[in-house]
Amino acid sequence: MTEQRAPQRTHPSTGRPVVVPAVLLVIAGLVGLLGSFALTVDKFRLLENPTASLGCDVNPFVGCSPVIDSWQASLFGFPNPILGLIGFAAPVAVGVALLAGARFARWFWVALTTGTFLAWVFITWLFTQTVFVIGALCPWCMLVWSVTIPLFWILLVWGLARGVTVPHGRVQRAAAAFLPFSWILPVLNYIVVATVILVQFPLLLPTLLG
């Protein structure tokens, strides 16, 4: 009788494991879905009762209501969390598919990376609007930001390093050498975000309390 071996969870072109990016996609996607769902529910609550106090309204600095009620929260004519409910389902599906042994073409990885880049640009813009214009921090929004940041940076470096978004060559080799240190990029992003918040919010204190 021939022994049957379980299929290896590797990328077809490189033969290297995809477990780490797959798990990242699933976890980040699920957390992003949680934050988007909570924001959607809170939006419905405010539509039913505009004076309602949400559970995430902690103090003048931290609260969802000022953010959800802003025009920035419906940039495209509908609540932004709807984009999250749609968008974060993709990395979950891709991550599960990878763990099941699925294979994807280069164009697919380029499209996925482009999508995470656009998501990162969008949440970066929302962050600047929240801190500099609205003047309040939404906990559920920050949860979405916190998973979008590593999702973009690590997936970007991994795709380059494994040659799934670019042909093998200098760029791929440079990314492969940097891959073990790719965590530095989201950490630096977090530091920038935290620094801006710590510097800016004391300046907003008189306005928020007045």
Protein backbone atom coordinates (compact mmCIF):
# COMPACT_ATOMS: atom_id res chain seq x y z
CA MET A 1 0.00 0.00 0.00
CA THR A 2 1.34 3.40 -0.96
CA GLU A 3 1.60 5.90 1.88
CA GLN A 4 -0.32 9.09 1.20
CA ARG A 5 1.31 12.32 2.30
CA ALA A 6 -0.58 15.40 3.29
CA PRO A 7 -0.15 18.25 0.80
CA GLN A 8 2.37 20.87 1.84
CA ARG A 9 1.07 24.36 2.30
CA THR A 10 3.55 26.04 0.01
CA HIS A 11 3.37 28.45 -2.87
CA PRO A 12 3.51 26.61 -6.21
CA SER A 13 6.27 28.73 -7.72
CA THR A 14 8.58 28.93 -4.73
CA GLY A 15 7.77 25.79 -2.74
CA ARG A 16 8.03 27.85 0.44
CA PRO A 17 5.51 27.83 3.30
CA VAL A 18 2.56 30.19 3.18
CA VAL A 19 1.27 29.41 6.67
CA VAL A 20 2.46 32.69 8.22
CA PRO A 21 0.90 35.03 5.62
CA ALA A 22 -2.21 32.85 5.55
CA VAL A 23 -2.68 33.11 9.31
CA LEU A 24 -2.01 36.86 9.14
CA LEU A 25 -4.66 37.25 6.46
CA VAL A 26 -7.23 35.29 8.47
CA ILE A 27 -6.59 36.99 11.81
CA ALA A 28 -6.36 40.50 10.40
CA GLY A 29 -9.45 39.94 8.29
CA LEU A 30 -11.50 38.62 11.21
CA VAL A 31 -10.47 41.46 13.51
CA GLY A 32 -11.19 43.97 10.75
CA LEU A 33 -14.62 42.42 10.24
CA LEU A 34 -15.30 42.70 13.96
CA GLY A 35 -14.45 46.39 14.01
CA SER A 36 -16.42 47.09 10.84
CA PHE A 37 -19.45 45.21 12.15
CA ALA A 38 -19.37 47.09 15.46
CA LEU A 39 -19.15 50.43 13.63
CA THR A 40 -22.06 49.46 11.37
CA VAL A 41 -24.22 48.53 14.36
CA ASP A 42 -23.34 51.80 16.12
CA LYS A 43 -24.23 53.73 12.97
CA PHE A 44 -27.69 52.12 12.95
CA ARG A 45 -28.12 53.00 16.63
CA LEU A 46 -27.35 56.64 15.97
CA LEU A 47 -29.72 56.69 13.02
CA GLU A 48 -32.50 55.39 15.28
CA ASN A 49 -31.59 57.72 18.14
CA PRO A 50 -29.16 60.55 17.28
CA THR A 51 -28.74 61.40 20.99
CA ALA A 52 -27.87 57.84 22.02
CA SER A 53 -24.71 57.25 24.02
CA LEU A 54 -22.61 54.47 22.56
CA GLY A 55 -20.64 52.00 24.61
CA CYS A 56 -17.40 53.26 23.07
CA ASP A 57 -18.08 56.88 24.09
CA VAL A 58 -15.61 56.97 26.98
CA ASN A 59 -14.71 60.64 27.32
CA PRO A 60 -14.25 63.78 25.16
CA PHE A 61 -11.07 62.29 23.76
CA VAL A 62 -12.24 58.75 23.10
CA GLY A 63 -15.61 58.13 21.53
CA CYS A 64 -17.24 56.76 18.40
CA SER A 65 -20.20 59.15 18.09
CA PRO A 66 -18.27 62.23 16.89
CA VAL A 67 -16.49 60.16 14.28
CA ILE A 68 -19.53 58.22 13.06
CA ASP A 69 -21.56 61.44 12.76
CA SER A 70 -18.88 63.17 10.67
CA TRP A 71 -19.00 63.49 6.89
CA GLN A 72 -15.68 61.67 6.71
CA ALA A 73 -17.41 58.53 8.03
CA SER A 74 -19.54 58.38 4.86
CA LEU A 75 -17.00 59.55 2.30
CA PHE A 76 -18.56 57.71 -0.64
CA GLY A 77 -22.18 58.42 0.27
CA PHE A 78 -22.64 55.41 2.54
CA PRO A 79 -21.07 54.43 5.90
CA ASN A 80 -17.39 53.55 5.56
CA PRO A 81 -17.78 50.35 7.66
CA ILE A 82 -19.69 48.79 4.77
CA LEU A 83 -16.43 48.90 2.83
CA GLY A 84 -14.79 47.12 5.74
CA LEU A 85 -17.44 44.39 5.81
CA ILE A 86 -16.79 43.75 2.12
CA GLY A 87 -13.04 44.34 2.07
CA PHE A 88 -11.99 42.35 5.14
CA ALA A 89 -13.87 39.29 3.93
CA ALA A 90 -11.31 38.97 1.12
CA PRO A 91 -8.18 38.34 3.25
CA VAL A 92 -10.10 35.83 5.37
CA ALA A 93 -11.16 33.90 2.27
CA VAL A 94 -7.68 34.04 0.76
CA GLY A 95 -6.00 32.97 4.00
CA VAL A 96 -8.33 29.99 4.44
CA ALA A 97 -7.83 29.04 0.80
CA LEU A 98 -4.04 29.13 1.23
CA LEU A 99 -4.22 26.89 4.28
CA ALA A 100 -6.34 24.49 2.21
CA GLY A 101 -3.65 24.38 -0.49
CA ALA A 102 -5.08 26.81 -3.03
CA ARG A 103 -2.82 28.39 -5.66
CA PHE A 104 -3.16 31.90 -7.03
CA ALA A 105 -1.72 33.56 -10.11
CA ARG A 106 0.58 36.56 -9.96
CA TRP A 107 -2.15 38.97 -11.08
CA PHE A 108 -4.24 37.87 -8.12
CA TRP A 109 -1.47 38.64 -5.63
CA VAL A 110 -0.86 42.00 -7.29
CA ALA A 111 -4.57 42.80 -7.03
CA LEU A 112 -4.70 41.73 -3.37
CA THR A 113 -1.61 43.76 -2.49
CA THR A 114 -3.02 46.76 -4.34
CA GLY A 115 -6.25 46.39 -2.39
CA THR A 116 -4.44 46.36 0.96
CA PHE A 117 -2.42 49.39 -0.15
CA LEU A 118 -5.60 51.32 -0.95
CA ALA A 119 -7.02 50.26 2.41
CA TRP A 120 -3.86 51.53 4.13
CA VAL A 121 -4.09 54.85 2.29
CA PHE A 122 -7.75 55.17 3.26
CA ILE A 123 -7.24 54.45 6.96
CA THR A 124 -4.23 56.80 7.01
CA TRP A 125 -6.44 59.57 5.64
CA LEU A 126 -9.16 58.71 8.16
CA PHE A 127 -6.57 58.82 10.93
CA THR A 128 -5.45 62.32 9.96
CA GLN A 129 -9.07 63.47 9.74
CA THR A 130 -9.88 61.96 13.12
CA VAL A 131 -6.92 63.51 14.90
CA PHE A 132 -6.61 66.89 13.18
CA VAL A 133 -10.20 67.66 12.14
CA ILE A 134 -12.74 65.70 14.21
CA GLY A 135 -10.73 65.72 17.41
CA ALA A 136 -11.81 62.38 18.85
CA LEU A 137 -10.53 58.83 18.74
CA CYS A 138 -12.93 56.03 17.85
CA PRO A 139 -11.90 52.73 19.53
CA TRP A 140 -13.46 50.56 16.82
CA CYS A 141 -11.81 52.67 14.13
CA MET A 142 -8.45 52.26 15.83
CA LEU A 143 -9.00 48.50 15.90
CA VAL A 144 -9.48 48.53 12.13
CA TRP A 145 -6.39 50.71 11.70
CA SER A 146 -4.32 48.38 13.89
CA VAL A 147 -4.87 45.36 11.63
CA THR A 148 -4.76 47.18 8.29
CA ILE A 149 -1.24 48.46 8.99
CA PRO A 150 0.52 45.08 9.38
CA LEU A 151 -1.74 43.51 6.75
CA PHE A 152 -0.41 45.90 4.12
CA TRP A 153 3.27 46.13 5.09
CA ILE A 154 3.91 42.47 5.77
CA LEU A 155 1.92 41.24 2.78
CA LEU A 156 3.80 43.71 0.57
CA VAL A 157 7.24 42.53 1.68
CA TRP A 158 6.24 38.86 1.67
CA GLY A 159 4.86 39.08 -1.87
CA LEU A 160 8.04 40.72 -3.12
CA ALA A 161 10.31 38.35 -1.21
CA ARG A 162 8.57 35.19 -2.41
CA GLY A 163 8.36 36.36 -6.00
CA VAL A 164 4.58 36.15 -6.13
CA THR A 165 4.08 39.81 -7.11
CA VAL A 166 7.33 40.43 -9.01
CA PRO A 167 9.63 38.24 -11.11
CA HIS A 168 12.72 36.81 -9.46
CA GLY A 169 15.54 39.31 -9.59
CA ARG A 170 17.15 42.11 -7.60
CA VAL A 171 13.93 43.37 -6.07
CA GLN A 172 12.91 39.89 -5.02
CA ARG A 173 16.32 39.11 -3.52
CA ALA A 174 16.43 42.39 -1.62
CA ALA A 175 12.93 41.81 -0.24
CA ALA A 176 13.85 38.23 0.70
CA ALA A 177 16.82 39.51 2.71
CA PHE A 178 14.58 42.05 4.46
CA LEU A 179 11.66 39.67 5.06
CA PRO A 180 12.78 38.53 8.57
CA PHE A 181 12.79 42.20 9.57
CA SER A 182 9.52 43.15 7.86
CA TRP A 183 7.89 43.60 11.27
CA ILE A 184 9.89 46.84 11.55
CA LEU A 185 7.64 48.57 9.01
CA PRO A 186 4.33 48.16 10.89
CA VAL A 187 6.09 48.97 14.17
CA LEU A 188 7.41 52.23 12.70
CA ASN A 189 3.92 52.96 11.39
CA TYR A 190 2.49 52.37 14.87
CA ILE A 191 5.11 54.68 16.38
CA VAL A 192 4.19 57.46 13.96
CA VAL A 193 0.49 57.06 14.75
CA ALA A 194 1.09 57.00 18.51
CA THR A 195 3.41 60.00 18.36
CA VAL A 196 0.91 62.08 16.40
CA ILE A 197 -1.85 61.23 18.87
CA LEU A 198 0.28 62.05 21.92
CA VAL A 199 1.45 65.34 20.45
CA GLN A 200 -1.84 66.50 18.97
CA PHE A 201 -4.43 65.65 21.58
CA PRO A 202 -3.05 67.85 24.35
CA LEU A 203 -3.38 70.75 21.89
CA LEU A 204 -7.02 69.83 21.37
CA LEU A 205 -7.82 69.64 25.07
CA PRO A 206 -9.16 73.23 25.48
CA THR A 207 -11.38 72.84 22.44
CA LEU A 208 -12.72 69.44 23.46
CA LEU A 209 -13.50 70.51 27.01
CA GLY A 210 -14.81 73.92 26.02
